[in-house]
Protein backbone atom coordinates (compact mmCIF):
# COMPACT_ATOMS: atom_id res chain seq x y z
CA UNK A 1 85.17 159.22 287.22
CA UNK A 2 88.68 158.34 286.05
CA UNK A 3 90.97 155.66 287.53
CA UNK A 4 94.66 156.36 287.44
CA UNK A 5 97.09 153.70 286.23
CA UNK A 6 99.12 152.07 289.03
CA UNK A 7 102.44 153.41 287.76
CA UNK A 8 103.01 156.57 285.73
CA UNK A 9 104.19 156.19 282.14
CA UNK A 10 106.88 158.78 282.73
CA UNK A 11 107.62 161.57 285.17
CA UNK A 12 104.76 164.04 284.99
CA UNK A 13 102.77 161.91 282.50
CA UNK A 14 99.94 159.66 283.61
CA UNK A 15 97.71 157.19 281.83
CA UNK A 16 94.07 157.30 282.80
CA UNK A 17 91.38 154.75 282.18
CA UNK A 18 87.62 154.84 282.41
CA UNK A 19 86.50 152.02 284.71
CA UNK A 20 84.54 149.31 282.91
CA UNK A 21 80.86 150.03 282.80
CA UNK A 22 81.21 153.77 283.50
CA UNK A 23 79.21 155.13 280.63
CA UNK A 24 79.95 155.09 276.94
CA UNK A 25 83.71 155.44 277.48
CA UNK A 26 84.04 152.30 279.58
CA UNK A 27 87.50 150.75 279.33
CA UNK A 28 88.87 153.55 277.15
CA UNK A 29 92.41 154.73 277.88
CA UNK A 30 93.63 158.29 277.70
CA UNK A 31 97.08 159.81 278.21
CA UNK A 32 97.13 163.15 280.00
CA UNK A 33 99.72 165.57 281.30
CA UNK A 34 99.78 165.41 285.08
CA UNK A 35 100.24 167.99 287.78
CA UNK A 36 101.70 171.44 287.37
CA UNK A 37 103.85 170.40 284.41
CA UNK A 38 100.86 169.87 282.11
CA UNK A 39 101.81 172.69 279.76
CA UNK A 40 105.42 171.47 279.51
CA UNK A 41 104.40 167.88 278.81
CA UNK A 42 101.85 169.01 276.25
CA UNK A 43 104.67 170.68 274.33
CA UNK A 44 106.93 167.63 274.68
CA UNK A 45 104.19 165.30 273.51
CA UNK A 46 103.65 167.46 270.45
CA UNK A 47 107.38 167.28 269.72
CA UNK A 48 107.25 163.49 270.11
CA UNK A 49 104.35 163.36 267.67
CA UNK A 50 106.34 165.43 265.18
CA UNK A 51 109.30 163.08 265.49
CA UNK A 52 107.23 159.95 265.03
CA UNK A 53 105.41 161.19 261.97
CA UNK A 54 108.45 162.78 260.36
CA UNK A 55 110.28 159.44 260.61
CA UNK A 56 107.41 157.55 259.03
CA UNK A 57 106.17 156.04 262.29
CA UNK A 58 102.54 155.41 263.17
CA UNK A 59 100.61 158.43 264.47
CA UNK A 60 99.64 158.63 268.13
CA UNK A 61 95.90 158.80 268.62
CA UNK A 62 93.78 160.27 270.03
CA UNK A 63 95.50 163.46 268.99
CA UNK A 64 93.18 165.45 271.20
CA UNK A 65 94.81 163.95 274.28
CA UNK A 66 98.19 165.21 273.15
CA UNK A 67 97.13 168.75 272.40
CA UNK A 68 94.38 169.48 274.96
CA UNK A 69 95.29 171.31 278.11
CA UNK A 70 92.00 170.61 279.83
CA UNK A 71 91.47 166.81 279.90
CA UNK A 72 87.87 167.12 281.06
CA UNK A 73 86.86 169.58 278.34
CA UNK A 74 84.78 168.39 275.43
CA UNK A 75 86.57 167.77 272.15
CA UNK A 76 86.88 171.00 270.25
CA UNK A 77 89.31 170.75 267.35
CA UNK A 78 89.55 174.50 266.93
CA UNK A 79 88.00 175.87 270.07
CA UNK A 80 90.28 174.67 272.87
CA UNK A 81 93.57 174.37 270.98
CA UNK A 82 95.66 177.46 270.50
CA UNK A 83 96.63 178.69 267.05
CA UNK A 84 100.13 177.40 267.84
CA UNK A 85 98.76 173.91 268.53
CA UNK A 86 96.83 173.95 265.28
CA UNK A 87 99.82 175.11 263.25
CA UNK A 88 102.01 172.42 264.82
CA UNK A 89 99.52 169.73 263.94
CA UNK A 90 99.13 170.99 260.37
CA UNK A 91 102.89 171.10 259.91
CA UNK A 92 103.26 167.56 261.22
CA UNK A 93 100.44 166.30 259.05
CA UNK A 94 101.69 167.99 255.90
CA UNK A 95 105.33 166.87 256.25
CA UNK A 96 104.76 163.31 257.48
CA UNK A 97 106.80 160.70 255.62
CA UNK A 98 103.69 158.57 255.11
CA UNK A 99 100.56 159.34 253.11
CA UNK A 100 97.84 160.48 255.53
CA UNK A 101 94.23 161.56 255.33
CA UNK A 102 91.39 162.35 257.71
CA UNK A 103 87.73 161.78 256.95
CA UNK A 104 84.39 162.27 258.58
CA UNK A 105 83.63 158.93 260.27
CA UNK A 106 79.95 159.10 259.27
CA UNK A 107 80.01 160.35 255.67
CA UNK A 108 83.56 159.31 254.77
CA UNK A 109 84.21 162.75 253.27
CA UNK A 110 87.76 164.04 253.35
CA UNK A 111 88.61 166.66 255.97
CA UNK A 112 92.28 166.94 255.06
CA UNK A 113 94.96 165.03 253.13
CA UNK A 114 98.71 165.51 252.92
CA UNK A 115 101.01 165.73 249.90
CA UNK A 116 101.92 162.03 249.85
CA UNK A 117 98.26 161.07 249.78
CA UNK A 118 97.72 163.42 246.84
CA UNK A 119 100.67 161.81 245.01
CA UNK A 120 99.06 158.38 245.33
CA UNK A 121 95.56 159.43 244.26
CA UNK A 122 96.37 162.27 241.88
CA UNK A 123 93.90 164.54 243.71
CA UNK A 124 95.06 167.65 245.57
CA UNK A 125 93.73 168.40 249.05
CA UNK A 126 91.70 171.28 247.64
CA UNK A 127 89.97 168.87 245.24
CA UNK A 128 89.31 166.19 247.85
CA UNK A 129 87.94 168.62 250.43
CA UNK A 130 86.57 171.35 248.15
CA UNK A 131 84.60 168.92 245.98
CA UNK A 132 83.34 167.14 249.12
CA UNK A 133 84.70 163.82 247.94
CA UNK A 134 84.68 160.82 250.25
CA UNK A 135 86.98 157.82 250.30
CA UNK A 136 84.25 155.68 248.65
CA UNK A 137 84.31 158.07 245.66
CA UNK A 138 87.94 157.24 244.85
CA UNK A 139 87.79 153.56 245.83
CA UNK A 140 87.64 151.02 243.01
CA UNK A 141 84.05 149.87 242.41
CA UNK A 142 85.11 146.28 242.90
CA UNK A 143 86.34 147.08 246.43
CA UNK A 144 83.94 149.84 247.43
CA UNK A 145 81.09 147.94 249.09
CA UNK A 146 83.33 145.72 251.23
CA UNK A 147 85.57 148.69 252.11
CA UNK A 148 82.73 150.88 253.36
CA UNK A 149 81.20 148.02 255.35
CA UNK A 150 84.54 147.11 256.91
CA UNK A 151 85.32 150.73 257.82
CA UNK A 152 81.95 151.27 259.49
CA UNK A 153 82.19 148.00 261.41
CA UNK A 154 85.67 148.87 262.71
CA UNK A 155 84.61 152.37 263.79
CA UNK A 156 81.56 150.97 265.58
CA UNK A 157 83.64 148.33 267.35
CA UNK A 158 86.35 150.79 268.34
CA UNK A 159 89.15 148.92 266.60
CA UNK A 160 91.73 149.75 263.99
CA UNK A 161 90.70 149.22 260.38
CA UNK A 162 93.29 147.63 258.07
CA UNK A 163 92.56 146.85 254.42
CA UNK A 164 94.26 146.38 251.04
CA UNK A 165 92.25 147.91 248.23
CA UNK A 166 92.45 149.89 245.00
CA UNK A 167 92.12 153.62 244.48
CA UNK A 168 90.98 155.05 241.17
CA UNK A 169 93.46 157.81 240.41
CA UNK A 170 92.39 161.12 238.90
CA UNK A 171 94.20 160.20 235.65
CA UNK A 172 92.19 156.99 235.35
CA UNK A 173 94.92 154.70 236.63
CA UNK A 174 94.63 152.23 239.48
CA UNK A 175 96.74 152.38 242.65
CA UNK A 176 96.90 149.51 245.12
CA UNK A 177 97.12 150.68 248.74
CA UNK A 178 97.24 149.31 252.25
CA UNK A 179 95.19 151.48 254.61
CA UNK A 180 95.42 151.61 258.40
CA UNK A 181 92.71 153.76 259.92
CA UNK A 182 91.51 154.56 263.42
CA UNK A 183 88.92 156.87 264.96
CA UNK A 184 89.64 160.02 266.96
CA UNK A 185 87.08 160.16 269.76
CA UNK A 186 85.87 162.78 272.18
CA UNK A 187 85.82 162.29 275.96
CA UNK A 188 82.40 160.68 275.63
CA UNK A 189 83.86 158.03 273.31
CA UNK A 190 82.12 159.27 270.19
CA UNK A 191 84.12 159.28 266.92
CA UNK A 192 84.70 162.78 265.63
CA UNK A 193 87.30 162.03 262.94
CA UNK A 194 88.88 159.01 261.33
CA UNK A 195 92.55 159.23 260.50
CA UNK A 196 94.34 156.91 258.08
CA UNK A 197 97.90 156.14 257.09
CA UNK A 198 98.08 154.92 253.48
CA UNK A 199 100.88 152.88 251.90
CA UNK A 200 101.28 152.57 248.13
CA UNK A 201 101.68 148.84 247.32
CA UNK A 202 101.11 149.09 243.56
CA UNK A 203 104.57 147.77 242.70
CA UNK A 204 104.22 144.94 245.18
CA UNK A 205 100.91 143.89 243.63
CA UNK A 206 102.39 144.12 240.13
CA UNK A 207 105.26 141.88 241.20
CA UNK A 208 102.80 139.39 242.70
CA UNK A 209 100.80 139.42 239.45
CA UNK A 210 103.94 138.79 237.40
CA UNK A 211 104.90 135.93 239.70
CA UNK A 212 101.44 134.40 239.37
CA UNK A 213 101.65 134.75 235.59
CA UNK A 214 105.03 133.00 235.55
CA UNK A 215 103.62 130.16 237.62
CA UNK A 216 100.66 129.76 235.25
CA UNK A 217 102.98 129.84 232.23
CA UNK A 218 105.25 127.22 233.81
CA UNK A 219 102.25 125.00 234.49
CA UNK A 220 101.02 125.47 230.91
CA UNK A 221 104.43 124.62 229.47
CA UNK A 222 104.75 121.58 231.70
CA UNK A 223 101.34 120.31 230.59
CA UNK A 224 102.24 120.85 226.92
CA UNK A 225 105.56 119.07 227.36
CA UNK A 226 103.95 116.13 229.15
CA UNK A 227 101.24 115.88 226.49
CA UNK A 228 103.89 115.77 223.78
CA UNK A 229 105.95 113.28 225.78
CA UNK A 230 102.92 111.01 226.16
CA UNK A 231 102.18 111.16 222.44
CA UNK A 232 105.71 110.36 221.29
CA UNK A 233 105.95 106.73 222.52
CA UNK A 234 102.30 105.98 221.83
CA UNK A 235 102.30 107.08 218.22
CA UNK A 236 105.81 105.82 217.57
CA UNK A 237 104.78 102.33 218.62
CA UNK A 238 101.91 102.51 216.15
CA UNK A 239 104.44 102.68 213.33
CA UNK A 240 105.59 99.15 214.05
CA UNK A 241 109.17 97.94 213.63
CA UNK A 242 111.66 96.36 216.00
CA UNK A 243 112.51 97.60 219.48
CA UNK A 244 115.81 99.16 218.44
CA UNK A 245 114.14 101.32 215.81
CA UNK A 246 111.44 102.23 218.26
CA UNK A 247 113.95 103.38 220.90
CA UNK A 248 115.91 105.40 218.36
CA UNK A 249 112.77 107.13 217.12
CA UNK A 250 111.61 107.99 220.64
CA UNK A 251 115.04 109.27 221.65
CA UNK A 252 115.29 111.43 218.55
CA UNK A 253 111.91 113.04 219.14
CA UNK A 254 112.62 113.72 222.78
CA UNK A 255 115.97 115.21 221.77
CA UNK A 256 114.17 117.63 219.45
CA UNK A 257 111.99 118.80 222.32
CA UNK A 258 115.04 119.12 224.56
CA UNK A 259 116.84 121.31 222.01
CA UNK A 260 113.86 123.63 221.77
CA UNK A 261 113.62 123.86 225.56
CA UNK A 262 117.34 124.59 225.87
CA UNK A 263 117.09 127.42 223.37
CA UNK A 264 114.05 128.86 225.16
CA UNK A 265 115.74 128.59 228.56
CA UNK A 266 118.68 130.63 227.26
CA UNK A 267 116.20 133.41 226.46
CA UNK A 268 114.36 133.02 229.79
CA UNK A 269 111.40 131.47 227.99
CA UNK A 270 110.61 134.76 226.31
CA UNK A 271 111.32 133.79 222.69
CA UNK A 272 113.47 131.63 220.40
CA UNK A 273 115.02 132.75 217.12
CA UNK A 274 113.63 130.71 214.24
CA UNK A 275 116.94 130.63 212.35
CA UNK A 276 118.87 129.46 215.40
CA UNK A 277 116.23 126.82 216.07
CA UNK A 278 116.47 125.53 212.47
CA UNK A 279 120.26 125.43 212.65
CA UNK A 280 120.09 123.35 215.82
CA UNK A 281 117.66 120.84 214.38
CA UNK A 282 119.38 120.52 210.98
CA UNK A 283 123.02 120.96 212.03
CA UNK A 284 124.25 117.60 210.55
CA UNK A 285 122.99 118.64 207.11
CA UNK A 286 124.37 122.18 207.07
CA UNK A 287 128.03 121.22 206.73
CA UNK A 288 129.67 120.83 203.28
CA UNK A 289 129.81 117.20 202.10
CA UNK A 290 132.44 115.19 200.24
CA UNK A 291 131.33 113.66 196.96
CA UNK A 292 132.98 111.84 194.08
CA UNK A 293 134.10 115.13 192.54
CA UNK A 294 135.29 116.65 195.85
CA UNK A 295 133.54 118.90 198.32
CA UNK A 296 129.95 119.80 197.59
CA UNK A 297 127.52 122.15 199.30
CA UNK A 298 125.39 121.34 202.34
CA UNK A 299 122.29 119.23 201.99
CA UNK A 300 120.02 121.86 203.56
CA UNK A 301 119.82 125.57 202.73
CA UNK A 302 118.16 128.04 205.10
CA UNK A 303 116.58 131.30 203.96
CA UNK A 304 114.53 133.68 206.08
CA UNK A 305 114.59 136.82 208.25
CA UNK A 306 115.30 137.01 211.96
CA UNK A 307 112.03 136.11 213.68
CA UNK A 308 111.49 135.46 217.40
CA UNK A 309 109.10 132.57 218.05
CA UNK A 310 106.84 132.24 221.07
CA UNK A 311 107.58 129.24 223.34
CA UNK A 312 104.60 127.34 221.92
CA UNK A 313 105.66 128.00 218.34
CA UNK A 314 109.26 127.04 219.10
CA UNK A 315 108.17 123.62 220.40
CA UNK A 316 105.89 123.00 217.43
CA UNK A 317 108.43 124.12 214.80
CA UNK A 318 111.20 122.13 216.47
CA UNK A 319 109.15 118.94 216.35
CA UNK A 320 108.05 119.65 212.77
CA UNK A 321 111.62 120.15 211.52
CA UNK A 322 112.78 117.03 213.31
CA UNK A 323 110.04 114.94 211.73
CA UNK A 324 110.64 116.38 208.26
CA UNK A 325 114.39 115.78 208.51
CA UNK A 326 113.90 112.23 209.80
CA UNK A 327 111.47 111.43 206.98
CA UNK A 328 113.81 112.96 204.37
CA UNK A 329 116.75 110.97 205.74
CA UNK A 330 114.82 107.70 205.54
CA UNK A 331 112.83 108.12 202.35
CA UNK A 332 113.39 111.54 200.80
CA UNK A 333 116.05 113.93 199.58
CA UNK A 334 118.48 113.45 202.47
CA UNK A 335 118.69 109.73 201.70
CA UNK A 336 120.45 110.51 198.40
CA UNK A 337 123.91 112.10 197.89
CA UNK A 338 122.36 114.44 195.33
CA UNK A 339 119.37 115.39 197.43
CA UNK A 340 118.76 118.93 198.60
CA UNK A 341 116.34 120.58 200.99
CA UNK A 342 115.41 124.27 200.92
CA UNK A 343 113.87 125.58 204.14
CA UNK A 344 112.47 129.10 203.89
CA UNK A 345 110.25 131.24 206.09
CA UNK A 346 108.65 134.67 206.07
CA UNK A 347 106.21 136.82 208.05
CA UNK A 348 103.23 137.61 205.85
CA UNK A 349 101.94 140.59 207.79
CA UNK A 350 99.29 141.42 205.23
CA UNK A 351 97.62 138.07 205.93
CA UNK A 352 98.81 137.80 209.53
CA UNK A 353 100.56 134.48 208.91
CA UNK A 354 104.00 133.01 209.57
CA UNK A 355 104.83 130.80 206.57
CA UNK A 356 107.41 128.02 206.43
CA UNK A 357 108.19 125.92 203.37
CA UNK A 358 110.17 122.66 203.33
CA UNK A 359 110.99 121.75 199.72
CA UNK A 360 112.92 118.62 198.79
CA UNK A 361 114.62 117.86 195.47
CA UNK A 362 117.10 115.37 194.09
CA UNK A 363 115.95 112.42 196.12
CA UNK A 364 114.17 109.25 195.03
CA UNK A 365 111.31 110.16 192.70
CA UNK A 366 107.86 110.15 194.25
CA UNK A 367 105.46 108.05 192.20
CA UNK A 368 102.40 108.55 194.45
CA UNK A 369 101.47 109.90 197.87
CA UNK A 370 101.98 107.42 200.77
CA UNK A 371 99.16 104.98 201.42
CA UNK A 372 98.91 106.00 205.10
CA UNK A 373 100.01 108.87 207.26
CA UNK A 374 102.93 108.15 209.55
CA UNK A 375 103.64 109.59 212.98
CA UNK A 376 105.68 112.44 211.50
CA UNK A 377 102.84 113.93 209.48
CA UNK A 378 100.39 113.40 212.35
CA UNK A 379 102.56 115.10 214.97
CA UNK A 380 103.28 118.03 212.65
CA UNK A 381 99.59 118.54 211.92
CA UNK A 382 98.64 118.17 215.57
CA UNK A 383 101.32 120.55 216.89
CA UNK A 384 100.69 123.25 214.32
CA UNK A 385 96.91 122.99 214.44
CA UNK A 386 96.25 122.38 218.14
CA UNK A 387 99.00 124.48 219.69
CA UNK A 388 99.00 127.39 217.25
CA UNK A 389 95.76 127.26 215.30
CA UNK A 390 97.72 126.86 212.06
CA UNK A 391 97.65 124.55 209.06
CA UNK A 392 99.97 122.01 207.42
CA UNK A 393 99.73 121.21 203.71
CA UNK A 394 101.61 118.36 201.99
CA UNK A 395 102.43 118.07 198.29
CA UNK A 396 104.11 114.88 197.01
CA UNK A 397 105.66 116.20 193.83
CA UNK A 398 107.68 113.89 191.55
CA UNK A 399 110.85 115.89 192.36
CA UNK A 400 110.29 115.70 196.10
CA UNK A 401 108.07 116.48 199.04
CA UNK A 402 106.89 120.02 199.70
CA UNK A 403 105.43 120.87 203.13
CA UNK A 404 103.87 124.28 203.74
CA UNK A 405 103.16 125.38 207.31
CA UNK A 406 101.13 128.49 208.19
CA UNK A 407 100.58 129.88 211.69
CA UNK A 408 98.90 133.07 212.99
CA UNK A 409 101.51 135.72 213.71
CA UNK A 410 99.76 136.64 216.96
CA UNK A 411 100.47 133.16 218.31
CA UNK A 412 103.70 132.35 216.52
CA UNK A 413 105.83 135.50 216.88
CA UNK A 414 106.78 136.84 220.30
CA UNK A 415 106.55 140.53 219.39
CA UNK A 416 103.12 140.07 217.80
CA UNK A 417 101.89 138.11 220.82
CA UNK A 418 103.03 140.90 223.17
CA UNK A 419 101.47 143.55 220.94
CA UNK A 420 98.17 141.68 220.93
CA UNK A 421 98.26 141.22 224.71
CA UNK A 422 98.65 144.95 225.51
CA UNK A 423 95.18 146.15 224.37
CA UNK A 424 93.58 143.06 225.89
CA UNK A 425 95.15 143.82 229.27
CA UNK A 426 94.21 147.51 228.99
CA UNK A 427 90.63 146.59 228.13
CA UNK A 428 90.45 144.25 231.11
CA UNK A 429 91.68 146.99 233.48
CA UNK A 430 89.23 149.52 232.02
CA UNK A 431 86.36 147.07 232.33
CA UNK A 432 87.25 146.37 235.94
CA UNK A 433 87.48 150.08 236.72
CA UNK A 434 84.04 150.73 235.26
CA UNK A 435 82.39 147.70 236.85
CA UNK A 436 79.97 148.45 239.63
């Protein structure tokens, strides 16, 4: 028995509902052509379906109700529908703006798939149907179990199934999709097909991953900056001296960090040129000086190729150069009119090391190494070792101090860090794809 809706949906078109408790179809709604105009409305409903799908809208289900002439006949996908009905449906399905597929609700095997679905998965309809593949076969192993369980539960409960998951493409790639699926049922309420509209959200997921990575990087940088900021006043105070000297030392060290951050911000925190960084830290000593015999050359000479530092390396090198320059100005070559400093750097790709050398000459002669290590040498060693896994070596030669810094290229240079990250990311994706 069917109960008619109180008011018709449109002229000649009624909505019918099984009364609650009347068999397996209790409470199920069905739209049917009414009266003598059934054939006309069947054609108009098919045209409406074509329009909705062609414009990318959601499909109208159950499709059987739109194409069947006899509402009380059992569902017969090919038996009751005319060849014209079948060709209309296939044309709509094939040309729909959205990716669509139909599967067996029990086995999950593909019954048909349109061109857009094949573009997402890389599999043609002949492969999906001819090889008797099911949606679990092309679902990422990490999503498969939950996807199958969720699909079966939704079909059993008679509700729409919506999920975001990953497909394994035919070429081995991974495609993120959002799937909306619903069952097509016969007049007895039994599912005979499951139809799905699939949206490719791979780019959206990639953007979300990039955003998450940026957030993690920002947090990491903030922690590094705070750790350095905490160390500056603590270790500076350990040097002793009056309050004025203490304030000047702290301000100078914070200024070095600020210069490095400014340079990195200009490059969107992607990299910082080593030469530009050195020029910023040593700018007062790069200008020609006036001596007793007239103008003389700058106190510091720079020599090295263009190299892009990672953010971590830029902070460490900036602090190291500041400490070396401060020490040289107080006690070393920069404290004497005749003093000179040669700063050189190179990428030793054979050994995988970035090498920097600070060599002083012409300053007060060094009779012996210092009795204790000051903050400068400690912060240089800590920054280079802890942040970059590098080394710092000091040589107190009679002519002047020589400081050699070495850092792994993979952590110090931006291009090397990116090159090292690519196979790691690829390996992670491959491992995830093969995981079961």
